[in-house]
Amino acid sequence: MGHSEERAEGAGPFTTRLTWRLAAGDTAIWESRAARKRGTLAVRPAGATRTSPRRADAPALVRLRRLNNIAAVSFLLGGALFALGAVLAQFSSRRPTVTATIYFVGGAFFTLGGYASLVQAINAPRRESAAGALTTHRFRWWSYEPGRIDWLTTFLLFAGTLVFGVNLLDSFLQGLTARQMNRLVWAPDMIGCLLFLISGQLAVVEICHRLLCLHRRSLGWWIVAVNQFGSVLFMVSAVAAFTRPETDSLVSVGIANGGTLTGALCFAVAGVLQAFESP
């Protein structure tokens, strides 16, 4: 056949990096995140020590760039609005509806960012042969590909934003008992945070090719790490936002608002960084 598969890397059932020999003796390296974010794979000429990127065609790169920009701006705006909502919730309790509205609009931007990330993964150029090139397919708004780690991590992120939407809508309700608050507001918040954490860990696996790593010179790694840290802070906030039935008060208002504020800022910062991770 003129080529041979050399090594497949990843974790669990997911392959995140493939290395194989081309017919001319060159070595091709495909990585999941590089393909879906930058539309590239790497090729190392025979006898060389450094690789050079081999890009997908121009329409694919334009598509990825546009979707990346939509996601980056959406996460920046969503994070900024969530941070503003947390500050108002902590220091101004006179207008809870205003705070809820700010959170809801921020959540809408998070949902848009999550969906743009999913569509980017769906339409990323594919490595479908051993020829050392990426293939571009027709544009799609939806697919079901849970065997691909890039699809699964972005799908869970998008699903988490939708669950947060339930939480944010229910937060407009007034006069709820402690049990109703926990069922209608707190429970969706916890589920959304859990989906964010799972999505973030899959993103870590995708870029690390194992469960954990430290790549301080990689922009993609910093984006993933900052987002995952933000997800952890959101989970801390959600735990602290549980309403105790015996007192009708949150476990800790300060921790709940502080976790939301710092977690939201993490997503905003990652949104800024993401703008630079494009073709």
Protein backbone atom coordinates (compact mmCIF):
# COMPACT_ATOMS: atom_id res chain seq x y z
CA MET A 1 0.00 0.00 0.00
CA GLY A 2 3.02 2.33 0.29
CA HIS A 3 2.29 3.47 3.83
CA SER A 4 1.93 2.02 7.32
CA GLU A 5 0.15 3.10 10.46
CA GLU A 6 2.72 3.64 13.18
CA ARG A 7 1.05 4.82 16.35
CA ALA A 8 -2.37 5.76 17.68
CA GLU A 9 -2.61 7.75 20.93
CA GLY A 10 -5.45 8.83 23.20
CA ALA A 11 -7.36 7.66 26.25
CA GLY A 12 -10.17 5.16 26.66
CA PRO A 13 -12.00 4.56 23.38
CA PHE A 14 -10.84 7.85 21.84
CA THR A 15 -7.98 8.38 19.41
CA THR A 16 -6.62 11.91 19.63
CA ARG A 17 -3.36 11.61 17.66
CA LEU A 18 -2.29 9.38 14.77
CA THR A 19 1.22 9.08 13.36
CA TRP A 20 1.91 7.23 10.12
CA ARG A 21 4.50 6.93 7.33
CA LEU A 22 3.72 8.33 3.89
CA ALA A 23 4.74 6.69 0.64
CA ALA A 24 7.63 9.12 0.08
CA GLY A 25 9.08 8.34 3.49
CA ASP A 26 7.65 11.44 5.19
CA THR A 27 5.80 11.15 8.48
CA ALA A 28 2.27 12.57 8.91
CA ILE A 29 0.82 13.48 12.31
CA TRP A 30 -2.91 14.09 12.75
CA GLU A 31 -4.20 15.61 16.01
CA SER A 32 -7.89 16.00 16.77
CA ARG A 33 -7.75 19.55 18.14
CA ALA A 34 -5.40 20.87 15.46
CA ALA A 35 -7.66 19.49 12.74
CA ARG A 36 -10.89 20.91 14.16
CA LYS A 37 -9.54 24.27 15.34
CA ARG A 38 -6.87 25.11 12.75
CA GLY A 39 -7.68 22.73 9.91
CA THR A 40 -4.16 21.31 9.83
CA LEU A 41 -2.14 18.16 10.19
CA ALA A 42 1.64 18.05 10.50
CA VAL A 43 4.12 16.47 8.08
CA ARG A 44 7.76 15.73 8.89
CA PRO A 45 9.97 15.16 5.83
CA ALA A 46 12.15 12.05 5.82
CA GLY A 47 15.29 12.66 7.84
CA ALA A 48 14.04 15.97 9.28
CA THR A 49 13.42 16.72 12.95
CA ARG A 50 10.77 19.45 12.56
CA THR A 51 7.26 19.31 11.15
CA SER A 52 5.39 21.74 8.92
CA PRO A 53 1.60 22.19 8.80
CA ARG A 54 -0.41 20.89 5.88
CA ARG A 55 -3.68 22.80 5.69
CA ALA A 56 -7.16 21.91 4.52
CA ASP A 57 -8.58 23.75 1.51
CA ALA A 58 -9.52 27.43 1.68
CA PRO A 59 -13.32 26.98 2.11
CA ALA A 60 -12.74 24.74 5.13
CA LEU A 61 -10.38 27.25 6.74
CA VAL A 62 -12.83 30.12 6.21
CA ARG A 63 -15.58 28.02 7.76
CA LEU A 64 -13.50 27.13 10.80
CA ARG A 65 -12.35 30.73 11.26
CA ARG A 66 -15.88 32.13 11.23
CA LEU A 67 -17.21 29.55 13.66
CA ASN A 68 -14.22 30.04 15.95
CA ASN A 69 -14.78 33.81 16.01
CA ILE A 70 -18.47 33.37 16.85
CA ALA A 71 -17.62 31.01 19.71
CA ALA A 72 -14.82 33.24 21.03
CA VAL A 73 -16.94 36.40 21.10
CA SER A 74 -19.92 34.53 22.57
CA PHE A 75 -17.89 33.11 25.47
CA LEU A 76 -16.30 36.50 26.08
CA LEU A 77 -19.69 38.23 26.27
CA GLY A 78 -21.32 35.39 28.20
CA GLY A 79 -18.52 35.34 30.75
CA ALA A 80 -18.56 39.12 31.12
CA LEU A 81 -22.34 39.20 31.69
CA PHE A 82 -22.18 36.35 34.21
CA ALA A 83 -19.45 38.21 36.07
CA LEU A 84 -21.58 41.36 36.12
CA GLY A 85 -24.57 39.37 37.36
CA ALA A 86 -22.52 37.88 40.18
CA VAL A 87 -21.34 41.33 41.29
CA LEU A 88 -24.92 42.66 41.32
CA ALA A 89 -26.15 39.56 43.16
CA GLN A 90 -23.51 40.07 45.84
CA PHE A 91 -23.81 43.81 46.36
CA SER A 92 -27.28 44.79 45.15
CA SER A 93 -30.22 42.59 46.18
CA ARG A 94 -32.91 45.20 45.50
CA ARG A 95 -33.56 44.23 41.88
CA PRO A 96 -33.28 40.44 41.54
CA THR A 97 -35.11 40.52 38.21
CA VAL A 98 -32.39 42.72 36.71
CA THR A 99 -29.72 40.28 37.87
CA ALA A 100 -31.72 37.33 36.53
CA THR A 101 -32.06 39.08 33.17
CA ILE A 102 -28.32 39.71 32.94
CA TYR A 103 -27.63 36.07 33.75
CA PHE A 104 -30.18 34.94 31.16
CA VAL A 105 -28.67 37.05 28.37
CA GLY A 106 -25.21 35.82 29.38
CA GLY A 107 -26.52 32.26 29.24
CA ALA A 108 -27.83 32.86 25.72
CA PHE A 109 -24.33 33.88 24.63
CA PHE A 110 -22.90 30.76 26.32
CA THR A 111 -25.40 28.64 24.38
CA LEU A 112 -24.46 30.32 21.11
CA GLY A 113 -20.78 29.73 21.87
CA GLY A 114 -21.41 26.10 22.73
CA TYR A 115 -23.39 25.49 19.55
CA ALA A 116 -20.79 27.26 17.38
CA SER A 117 -18.12 25.02 18.93
CA LEU A 118 -20.21 21.93 18.15
CA VAL A 119 -20.83 23.00 14.55
CA GLN A 120 -17.11 23.66 14.19
CA ALA A 121 -16.35 20.11 15.31
CA ILE A 122 -19.04 18.71 12.99
CA ASN A 123 -17.57 20.52 9.99
CA ALA A 124 -13.88 20.08 10.78
CA PRO A 125 -11.87 18.60 7.89
CA ARG A 126 -11.37 14.86 8.29
CA ARG A 127 -8.42 12.55 7.96
CA GLU A 128 -9.99 9.80 5.86
CA SER A 129 -6.99 8.32 4.06
CA ALA A 130 -3.30 7.80 4.60
CA ALA A 131 -2.37 10.31 1.89
CA GLY A 132 -1.34 13.01 4.39
CA ALA A 133 -4.20 15.39 3.59
CA LEU A 134 -7.49 16.49 5.13
CA THR A 135 -10.84 16.12 3.40
CA THR A 136 -13.58 18.77 3.51
CA HIS A 137 -17.26 17.79 3.39
CA ARG A 138 -20.42 19.78 2.79
CA PHE A 139 -21.53 22.03 5.63
CA ARG A 140 -23.84 20.49 8.24
CA TRP A 141 -25.73 22.03 11.17
CA TRP A 142 -25.97 18.75 13.09
CA SER A 143 -24.54 15.25 13.32
CA TYR A 144 -24.44 12.38 15.83
CA GLU A 145 -20.87 11.10 16.26
CA PRO A 146 -20.27 10.16 19.93
CA GLY A 147 -17.26 8.06 18.95
CA ARG A 148 -15.32 11.24 18.11
CA ILE A 149 -13.86 13.04 21.11
CA ASP A 150 -14.10 16.46 19.46
CA TRP A 151 -17.82 15.94 18.82
CA LEU A 152 -18.49 14.60 22.31
CA THR A 153 -16.67 17.35 24.22
CA THR A 154 -18.43 20.12 22.28
CA PHE A 155 -21.81 18.37 22.43
CA LEU A 156 -21.61 18.05 26.22
CA LEU A 157 -20.59 21.70 26.46
CA PHE A 158 -23.59 22.72 24.35
CA ALA A 159 -25.90 20.44 26.37
CA GLY A 160 -24.59 22.03 29.58
CA THR A 161 -25.49 25.50 28.31
CA LEU A 162 -29.03 24.31 27.50
CA VAL A 163 -29.47 22.93 31.01
CA PHE A 164 -28.16 26.19 32.42
CA GLY A 165 -30.91 27.85 30.39
CA VAL A 166 -33.52 25.95 32.41
CA ASN A 167 -31.85 27.08 35.60
CA LEU A 168 -31.75 30.70 34.41
CA LEU A 169 -35.38 30.70 33.31
CA ASP A 170 -36.54 29.23 36.61
CA SER A 171 -34.58 31.88 38.49
CA PHE A 172 -37.21 34.42 37.38
CA LEU A 173 -39.82 32.61 39.48
CA GLN A 174 -40.71 34.36 42.73
CA GLY A 175 -42.00 33.03 46.05
CA LEU A 176 -40.51 29.55 45.72
CA THR A 177 -40.03 27.36 48.76
CA ALA A 178 -36.59 25.96 49.57
CA ARG A 179 -37.50 22.59 48.06
CA GLN A 180 -38.83 24.22 44.91
CA MET A 181 -35.67 26.33 44.61
CA ASN A 182 -33.50 23.25 44.89
CA ARG A 183 -35.56 21.30 42.36
CA LEU A 184 -36.13 24.03 39.76
CA VAL A 185 -33.02 26.20 40.08
CA TRP A 186 -30.28 24.34 41.94
CA ALA A 187 -30.65 20.89 40.33
CA PRO A 188 -30.33 22.16 36.71
CA ASP A 189 -27.38 24.27 37.83
CA MET A 190 -25.61 21.20 39.22
CA ILE A 191 -26.35 19.14 36.09
CA GLY A 192 -25.05 21.92 33.85
CA CYS A 193 -21.87 22.23 35.91
CA LEU A 194 -21.33 18.47 35.76
CA LEU A 195 -21.70 18.49 31.97
CA PHE A 196 -19.20 21.36 31.77
CA LEU A 197 -16.71 19.40 33.89
CA ILE A 198 -17.03 16.25 31.78
CA SER A 199 -16.73 18.27 28.58
CA GLY A 200 -13.66 20.02 29.96
CA GLN A 201 -11.96 16.76 30.91
CA LEU A 202 -12.56 15.37 27.43
CA ALA A 203 -11.00 18.54 26.02
CA VAL A 204 -7.98 17.91 28.27
CA VAL A 205 -7.70 14.36 26.92
CA GLU A 206 -8.04 15.63 23.36
CA ILE A 207 -5.10 18.01 23.65
CA CYS A 208 -2.97 15.91 26.04
CA HIS A 209 -3.59 12.50 24.41
CA ARG A 210 -3.92 11.19 27.97
CA LEU A 211 -5.78 12.17 31.14
CA LEU A 212 -3.53 15.08 32.17
CA CYS A 213 -0.50 17.00 30.93
CA LEU A 214 1.30 20.32 31.18
CA HIS A 215 2.00 22.14 27.90
CA ARG A 216 2.69 25.71 28.94
CA ARG A 217 3.79 26.73 25.43
CA SER A 218 0.56 25.53 23.82
CA LEU A 219 -2.21 28.11 23.35
CA GLY A 220 -4.77 25.33 23.03
CA TRP A 221 -3.68 23.85 26.35
CA TRP A 222 -4.09 27.21 28.11
CA ILE A 223 -7.59 27.63 26.65
CA VAL A 224 -8.59 24.16 27.82
CA ALA A 225 -6.99 24.61 31.26
CA VAL A 226 -8.58 28.02 31.91
CA ASN A 227 -11.99 26.76 30.79
CA GLN A 228 -11.74 23.69 33.01
CA PHE A 229 -10.71 25.81 35.97
CA GLY A 230 -13.76 27.97 35.29
CA SER A 231 -15.94 24.85 35.26
CA VAL A 232 -14.55 23.82 38.65
CA LEU A 233 -15.36 27.26 40.04
CA PHE A 234 -18.89 27.05 38.62
CA MET A 235 -19.32 23.71 40.40
CA VAL A 236 -18.11 25.23 43.68
CA SER A 237 -20.62 28.03 43.18
CA ALA A 238 -23.42 25.56 42.49
CA VAL A 239 -22.70 23.52 45.63
CA ALA A 240 -22.71 26.69 47.72
CA ALA A 241 -26.02 27.77 46.16
CA PHE A 242 -27.98 24.87 47.70
CA THR A 243 -30.89 26.20 49.75
CA ARG A 244 -31.11 24.62 53.20
CA PRO A 245 -34.76 23.78 53.88
CA GLU A 246 -34.43 24.31 57.62
CA THR A 247 -33.27 27.92 57.22
CA ASP A 248 -34.40 28.87 53.68
CA SER A 249 -30.90 30.26 53.11
CA LEU A 250 -28.05 29.31 50.80
CA VAL A 251 -25.11 27.32 52.08
CA SER A 252 -22.92 30.35 51.33
CA VAL A 253 -24.03 33.39 49.35
CA GLY A 254 -20.47 34.73 49.19
CA ILE A 255 -18.99 31.50 47.82
CA ALA A 256 -21.88 31.10 45.36
CA ASN A 257 -21.43 34.58 43.92
CA GLY A 258 -17.63 34.48 44.15
CA GLY A 259 -17.47 31.14 42.33
CA THR A 260 -19.77 32.43 39.60
CA LEU A 261 -17.73 35.64 39.24
CA THR A 262 -14.32 33.97 38.99
CA GLY A 263 -15.60 31.07 36.88
CA ALA A 264 -17.24 33.50 34.45
CA LEU A 265 -14.04 35.51 34.18
CA CYS A 266 -12.18 32.31 33.30
CA PHE A 267 -14.55 31.68 30.39
CA ALA A 268 -14.23 35.30 29.28
CA VAL A 269 -10.42 35.09 29.32
CA ALA A 270 -10.53 31.76 27.45
CA GLY A 271 -12.81 33.42 24.89
CA VAL A 272 -10.16 36.08 24.28
CA LEU A 273 -7.46 33.42 23.94
CA GLN A 274 -9.64 31.34 21.63
CA ALA A 275 -9.80 34.20 19.14
CA PHE A 276 -6.09 33.55 18.46
CA GLU A 277 -6.52 29.78 17.97
CA SER A 278 -7.87 29.88 14.43
CA PRO A 279 -6.61 28.94 10.96
